[in-house]
Amino acid sequence: MGALASMTGYARASGTAPGLAFLIEVRSVNARGLDMRLRLAPGFDALDSEIRRRVTERFARGALSITLSVERAGDLGRLSVNLEALETVLSAIEALKARIDTDPPRPEGILMLKGVLEQHETGAERDDDAATGAILKAVDTALAALQATRRDEGGRIATVLFERITEITALTQQAEVHPARSRSAILTRLKAQVAELLDANPALPEERLVQEALLVATRVDIREELDRLGVHCAAARTLIAEGGPVGRKLDFLAQEFNREANTLCSKSNDVGLTAIGLDLKAAIDQLREQVQNIE
């Protein structure tokens, strides 16, 4: 499917077009889904949907912040007031004053409203088609660089994930062969607990005694938890090796790992097994911390 990728990174690309120079900056951080925030220079809002489409083609998760800065060549041009827009604003102000008691706005505040003050370019003329093509090409360059950065980081995280899974596998095997799980140890504990039952209730029927003994044995049996931990380790290795946007699946697996470790600790009636369970929980917490960064 592809390499494992993180959700964090930064990239930039710059370029020129007739009448202007521009800079594209892209930042990416962790997010539950794919979230985009675009800040485009005035006059380039029409590129919003196309940039979003290109982002969606490359990324599945992450909060991306994309900024387009533009510096116009030549004279900045003359400024003029859009009288129609100004009249609309003034009418709205009068209507507002009729409804609430408020101080009148300052003239410079009105002029800062979008559309009231217009800039007319002079000097080098801008070719909109050429500018659009150049900017979108730079967007592709920046997104490709971000993708490469996220994959590089994903490769480093994959190494850490494999290390944690290897650790979890080793701890699971330690629990598997722990002396407290031997047949003789289990029988010894079972006999002691049955003796306690008989001391508490000497007249306990044999059938009830058998039921209680089976219940006690079931409560301390961690066979199912060990099997599930082994299955989860194999599934995690497969997902990491396949790569692609598998962060959510790995996060779900990490939760399942933690559930089995908690159950193992709660069932354990041996100090050594409990210590292994706590080590498992620590390794699983470290695994999940890294998984949070995966796309």
Protein backbone atom coordinates (compact mmCIF):
# COMPACT_ATOMS: atom_id res chain seq x y z
CA MET A 1 0.00 0.00 0.00
CA GLY A 2 2.83 2.41 0.77
CA ALA A 3 5.16 3.63 3.47
CA LEU A 4 3.99 4.51 6.94
CA ALA A 5 3.58 8.27 7.33
CA SER A 6 3.34 10.60 10.29
CA MET A 7 0.94 13.53 10.43
CA THR A 8 3.51 16.22 11.25
CA GLY A 9 5.72 18.15 8.88
CA TYR A 10 6.51 21.41 7.11
CA ALA A 11 7.27 22.32 3.52
CA ARG A 12 7.46 25.43 1.33
CA ALA A 13 7.78 26.33 -2.32
CA SER A 14 8.19 29.67 -4.06
CA GLY A 15 7.91 30.93 -7.61
CA THR A 16 7.24 33.85 -9.89
CA ALA A 17 4.69 34.77 -12.52
CA PRO A 18 4.26 37.89 -14.64
CA GLY A 19 3.75 40.77 -12.22
CA LEU A 20 4.26 38.90 -8.96
CA ALA A 21 6.33 36.58 -6.75
CA PHE A 22 4.75 34.13 -4.32
CA LEU A 23 5.48 31.73 -1.47
CA ILE A 24 3.52 28.62 -0.45
CA GLU A 25 3.95 27.32 3.10
CA VAL A 26 2.35 24.10 4.36
CA ARG A 27 2.32 22.94 7.99
CA SER A 28 0.83 19.67 9.21
CA VAL A 29 0.04 18.44 12.72
CA ASN A 30 -1.91 15.55 14.24
CA ALA A 31 -5.69 15.40 13.82
CA ARG A 32 -8.47 12.82 14.05
CA GLY A 33 -9.32 13.35 10.39
CA LEU A 34 -8.24 15.57 7.48
CA ASP A 35 -8.62 19.24 8.32
CA MET A 36 -7.49 22.11 6.07
CA ARG A 37 -7.10 25.79 6.84
CA LEU A 38 -6.16 28.01 3.92
CA ARG A 39 -4.91 31.59 4.11
CA LEU A 40 -4.70 32.91 0.57
CA ALA A 41 -3.46 36.34 -0.48
CA PRO A 42 -6.22 38.79 -1.51
CA GLY A 43 -7.36 38.14 -5.05
CA PHE A 44 -6.55 34.42 -5.01
CA ASP A 45 -9.58 33.03 -3.17
CA ALA A 46 -10.65 31.22 -6.35
CA LEU A 47 -7.78 28.76 -5.83
CA ASP A 48 -9.25 27.50 -2.56
CA SER A 49 -11.28 24.56 -3.90
CA GLU A 50 -8.54 23.39 -6.28
CA ILE A 51 -5.90 23.43 -3.53
CA ARG A 52 -8.22 21.48 -1.23
CA ARG A 53 -8.78 18.89 -3.96
CA ARG A 54 -5.02 18.41 -4.39
CA VAL A 55 -4.53 18.02 -0.65
CA THR A 56 -7.28 15.38 -0.47
CA GLU A 57 -5.58 13.38 -3.22
CA ARG A 58 -2.37 13.11 -1.20
CA PHE A 59 -3.38 12.94 2.47
CA ALA A 60 -5.90 11.01 4.56
CA ARG A 61 -5.34 12.56 8.01
CA GLY A 62 -3.75 15.59 9.60
CA ALA A 63 -4.52 19.26 10.21
CA LEU A 64 -2.93 21.17 7.33
CA SER A 65 -2.38 24.92 7.37
CA ILE A 66 -1.65 26.32 3.90
CA THR A 67 -0.55 29.92 3.39
CA LEU A 68 -0.12 31.74 0.08
CA SER A 69 1.86 34.99 0.32
CA VAL A 70 2.12 37.22 -2.76
CA GLU A 71 4.40 40.17 -3.49
CA ARG A 72 3.40 42.21 -6.50
CA ALA A 73 6.07 43.50 -8.85
CA GLY A 74 6.37 47.12 -9.87
CA ASP A 75 4.34 49.99 -8.37
CA LEU A 76 1.72 48.94 -5.85
CA GLY A 77 -0.74 51.04 -7.82
CA ARG A 78 -3.34 53.60 -6.86
CA LEU A 79 -6.05 53.19 -4.25
CA SER A 80 -9.68 54.20 -4.73
CA VAL A 81 -12.87 53.97 -2.70
CA ASN A 82 -15.62 51.73 -4.02
CA LEU A 83 -18.51 54.14 -3.53
CA GLU A 84 -21.17 51.48 -3.93
CA ALA A 85 -19.61 49.34 -1.21
CA LEU A 86 -19.13 52.41 0.99
CA GLU A 87 -22.82 53.37 0.69
CA THR A 88 -23.83 49.85 1.66
CA VAL A 89 -21.61 49.99 4.75
CA LEU A 90 -22.85 53.46 5.77
CA SER A 91 -26.48 52.37 5.39
CA ALA A 92 -25.80 49.36 7.60
CA ILE A 93 -24.18 51.62 10.20
CA GLU A 94 -27.21 53.96 10.23
CA ALA A 95 -29.58 51.01 10.61
CA LEU A 96 -27.48 49.71 13.51
CA LYS A 97 -27.45 53.11 15.25
CA ALA A 98 -31.23 53.23 15.03
CA ARG A 99 -31.46 49.98 16.98
CA ILE A 100 -28.65 50.29 19.55
CA ASP A 101 -26.76 53.14 21.17
CA THR A 102 -23.20 52.89 19.93
CA ASP A 103 -20.28 55.15 19.07
CA PRO A 104 -19.82 55.86 15.36
CA PRO A 105 -17.01 53.89 13.68
CA ARG A 106 -13.78 55.68 12.80
CA PRO A 107 -13.17 56.37 9.10
CA GLU A 108 -10.02 54.24 8.96
CA GLY A 109 -12.01 51.34 10.37
CA ILE A 110 -14.58 51.66 7.60
CA LEU A 111 -11.86 51.81 4.93
CA MET A 112 -10.37 48.55 6.25
CA LEU A 113 -13.60 46.67 5.53
CA LYS A 114 -13.25 44.28 2.63
CA GLY A 115 -14.33 45.79 -0.70
CA VAL A 116 -14.45 49.42 0.43
CA LEU A 117 -10.87 50.27 -0.54
CA GLU A 118 -9.66 48.95 -3.87
CA GLN A 119 -6.15 48.68 -5.25
CA HIS A 120 -5.53 49.17 -8.96
CA GLU A 121 -2.32 47.66 -10.21
CA THR A 122 0.09 49.63 -12.32
CA GLY A 123 3.49 48.82 -13.67
CA ALA A 124 3.90 45.12 -14.38
CA GLU A 125 0.57 43.60 -15.43
CA ARG A 126 -0.54 40.32 -13.95
CA ASP A 127 -1.39 37.38 -16.18
CA ASP A 128 -4.06 35.56 -14.14
CA ASP A 129 -3.82 32.28 -16.06
CA ALA A 130 -0.05 32.19 -15.82
CA ALA A 131 -0.19 33.11 -12.11
CA THR A 132 -2.74 30.39 -11.40
CA GLY A 133 -0.69 27.74 -13.19
CA ALA A 134 2.54 28.76 -11.47
CA ILE A 135 0.97 28.85 -8.03
CA LEU A 136 -0.72 25.45 -8.41
CA LYS A 137 2.57 23.97 -9.61
CA ALA A 138 4.24 25.35 -6.48
CA VAL A 139 1.41 23.92 -4.38
CA ASP A 140 2.10 20.47 -5.87
CA THR A 141 5.81 20.88 -5.11
CA ALA A 142 5.13 21.87 -1.50
CA LEU A 143 2.63 19.05 -0.96
CA ALA A 144 5.04 16.50 -2.43
CA ALA A 145 7.79 17.77 -0.13
CA LEU A 146 5.44 17.58 2.86
CA GLN A 147 4.47 14.05 1.87
CA ALA A 148 8.15 13.05 1.73
CA THR A 149 8.80 14.64 5.12
CA ARG A 150 5.86 12.84 6.70
CA ARG A 151 7.00 9.53 5.23
CA ASP A 152 10.55 10.04 6.51
CA GLU A 153 9.17 10.64 9.98
CA GLY A 154 6.81 7.69 9.54
CA GLY A 155 9.78 5.45 8.81
CA ARG A 156 11.43 6.47 12.08
CA ILE A 157 8.19 5.89 13.97
CA ALA A 158 7.79 2.46 12.34
CA THR A 159 11.18 1.44 13.77
CA VAL A 160 10.04 2.46 17.25
CA LEU A 161 6.72 0.64 16.82
CA PHE A 162 8.46 -2.58 15.82
CA GLU A 163 10.69 -2.27 18.90
CA ARG A 164 7.67 -1.89 21.19
CA ILE A 165 5.86 -4.83 19.56
CA THR A 166 8.99 -6.97 19.96
CA GLU A 167 9.04 -5.99 23.63
CA ILE A 168 5.35 -6.84 24.06
CA THR A 169 5.92 -10.21 22.37
CA ALA A 170 8.85 -10.99 24.69
CA LEU A 171 6.82 -10.06 27.79
CA THR A 172 3.92 -12.20 26.57
CA GLN A 173 6.29 -15.15 26.22
CA GLN A 174 7.65 -14.50 29.72
CA ALA A 175 4.12 -14.68 31.09
CA GLU A 176 3.52 -17.83 29.06
CA VAL A 177 6.37 -19.75 30.70
CA HIS A 178 6.18 -18.15 34.14
CA PRO A 179 6.34 -20.76 36.97
CA ALA A 180 3.10 -19.40 38.42
CA ARG A 181 1.30 -20.78 35.35
CA SER A 182 2.63 -24.33 35.79
CA ARG A 183 0.17 -27.12 36.43
CA SER A 184 1.59 -27.83 39.88
CA ALA A 185 1.43 -24.16 40.92
CA ILE A 186 -2.16 -23.84 39.73
CA LEU A 187 -3.17 -27.05 41.55
CA THR A 188 -1.48 -25.87 44.73
CA ARG A 189 -3.36 -22.57 44.68
CA LEU A 190 -6.59 -24.32 43.79
CA LYS A 191 -6.26 -26.77 46.70
CA ALA A 192 -5.54 -23.92 49.09
CA GLN A 193 -8.59 -22.00 47.95
CA VAL A 194 -10.81 -25.10 48.13
CA ALA A 195 -9.55 -25.70 51.66
CA GLU A 196 -10.53 -22.15 52.56
CA LEU A 197 -14.02 -22.80 51.19
CA LEU A 198 -14.37 -25.96 53.29
CA ASP A 199 -13.13 -24.18 56.39
CA ALA A 200 -15.71 -21.47 55.86
CA ASN A 201 -18.50 -23.95 55.10
CA PRO A 202 -17.72 -27.59 56.00
CA ALA A 203 -21.17 -28.70 54.86
CA LEU A 204 -20.68 -27.41 51.30
CA PRO A 205 -22.10 -30.00 48.86
CA GLU A 206 -19.54 -31.70 46.61
CA GLU A 207 -21.28 -30.43 43.45
CA ARG A 208 -21.14 -26.86 44.73
CA LEU A 209 -17.51 -27.37 45.72
CA VAL A 210 -16.64 -28.46 42.18
CA GLN A 211 -18.43 -25.41 40.76
CA GLU A 212 -16.55 -23.06 43.07
CA ALA A 213 -13.25 -24.74 42.21
CA LEU A 214 -13.89 -24.31 38.48
CA LEU A 215 -14.84 -20.68 39.03
CA VAL A 216 -11.61 -20.06 40.93
CA ALA A 217 -9.57 -21.75 38.19
CA THR A 218 -11.28 -19.66 35.51
CA ARG A 219 -10.62 -16.42 37.33
CA VAL A 220 -6.86 -16.94 37.35
CA ASP A 221 -6.49 -18.45 33.86
CA ILE A 222 -4.78 -15.96 31.51
CA ARG A 223 -4.61 -18.31 28.51
CA GLU A 224 -7.12 -16.25 26.53
CA GLU A 225 -5.34 -12.95 27.23
CA LEU A 226 -1.98 -14.37 26.15
CA ASP A 227 -3.48 -15.73 22.91
CA ARG A 228 -5.06 -12.40 22.11
CA LEU A 229 -1.85 -10.50 22.79
CA GLY A 230 -0.09 -12.78 20.31
CA VAL A 231 -2.77 -12.20 17.68
CA HIS A 232 -2.64 -8.42 18.21
CA CYS A 233 1.17 -8.40 17.84
CA ALA A 234 0.91 -10.23 14.51
CA ALA A 235 -1.83 -7.88 13.28
CA ALA A 236 0.17 -4.79 14.27
CA ARG A 237 3.27 -6.04 12.46
CA THR A 238 1.22 -6.64 9.31
CA LEU A 239 -0.33 -3.16 9.39
CA ILE A 240 3.02 -1.43 9.89
CA ALA A 241 4.62 -3.45 7.09
CA GLU A 242 1.75 -2.64 4.69
CA GLY A 243 1.93 1.08 5.47
CA GLY A 244 -0.54 3.63 4.15
CA PRO A 245 -3.11 5.44 6.31
CA VAL A 246 -3.37 2.79 9.05
CA GLY A 247 -3.16 5.08 12.09
CA ARG A 248 -6.75 4.53 13.20
CA LYS A 249 -6.44 0.75 12.95
CA LEU A 250 -3.22 0.81 14.94
CA ASP A 251 -4.85 3.03 17.56
CA PHE A 252 -7.71 0.53 17.90
CA LEU A 253 -5.17 -2.31 18.27
CA ALA A 254 -3.33 -0.35 20.96
CA GLN A 255 -6.59 -0.10 22.91
CA GLU A 256 -7.08 -3.85 22.58
CA PHE A 257 -3.49 -4.44 23.76
CA ASN A 258 -4.20 -2.34 26.83
CA ARG A 259 -7.45 -4.19 27.56
CA GLU A 260 -5.69 -7.56 27.58
CA ALA A 261 -2.86 -6.27 29.78
CA ASN A 262 -5.37 -4.86 32.28
CA THR A 263 -7.22 -8.17 32.41
CA LEU A 264 -3.97 -10.09 32.86
CA CYS A 265 -3.07 -7.90 35.85
CA SER A 266 -6.51 -8.26 37.41
CA LYS A 267 -6.43 -12.06 37.09
CA SER A 268 -2.88 -12.47 38.34
CA ASN A 269 -2.46 -13.74 41.91
CA ASP A 270 1.31 -13.92 41.63
CA VAL A 271 3.73 -11.04 42.16
CA GLY A 272 5.90 -12.10 39.21
CA LEU A 273 2.98 -12.24 36.76
CA THR A 274 1.70 -8.90 38.01
CA ALA A 275 5.13 -7.34 37.37
CA ILE A 276 5.07 -8.68 33.82
CA GLY A 277 1.58 -7.24 33.36
CA LEU A 278 2.75 -3.81 34.52
CA ASP A 279 5.71 -3.95 32.13
CA LEU A 280 3.26 -4.84 29.36
CA LYS A 281 1.12 -1.82 30.20
CA ALA A 282 4.18 0.47 30.09
CA ALA A 283 5.27 -0.88 26.68
CA ILE A 284 1.72 -0.58 25.34
CA ASP A 285 1.45 3.04 26.54
CA GLN A 286 4.68 3.85 24.68
CA LEU A 287 3.29 2.09 21.60
CA ARG A 288 0.09 4.10 21.69
CA GLU A 289 1.94 7.40 22.12
CA GLN A 290 3.73 6.76 18.85
CA VAL A 291 0.61 5.48 17.09
CA GLN A 292 -1.08 8.85 17.74
CA ASN A 293 1.35 10.38 15.21
CA ILE A 294 0.53 7.96 12.37
CA GLU A 295 -1.63 9.03 9.44
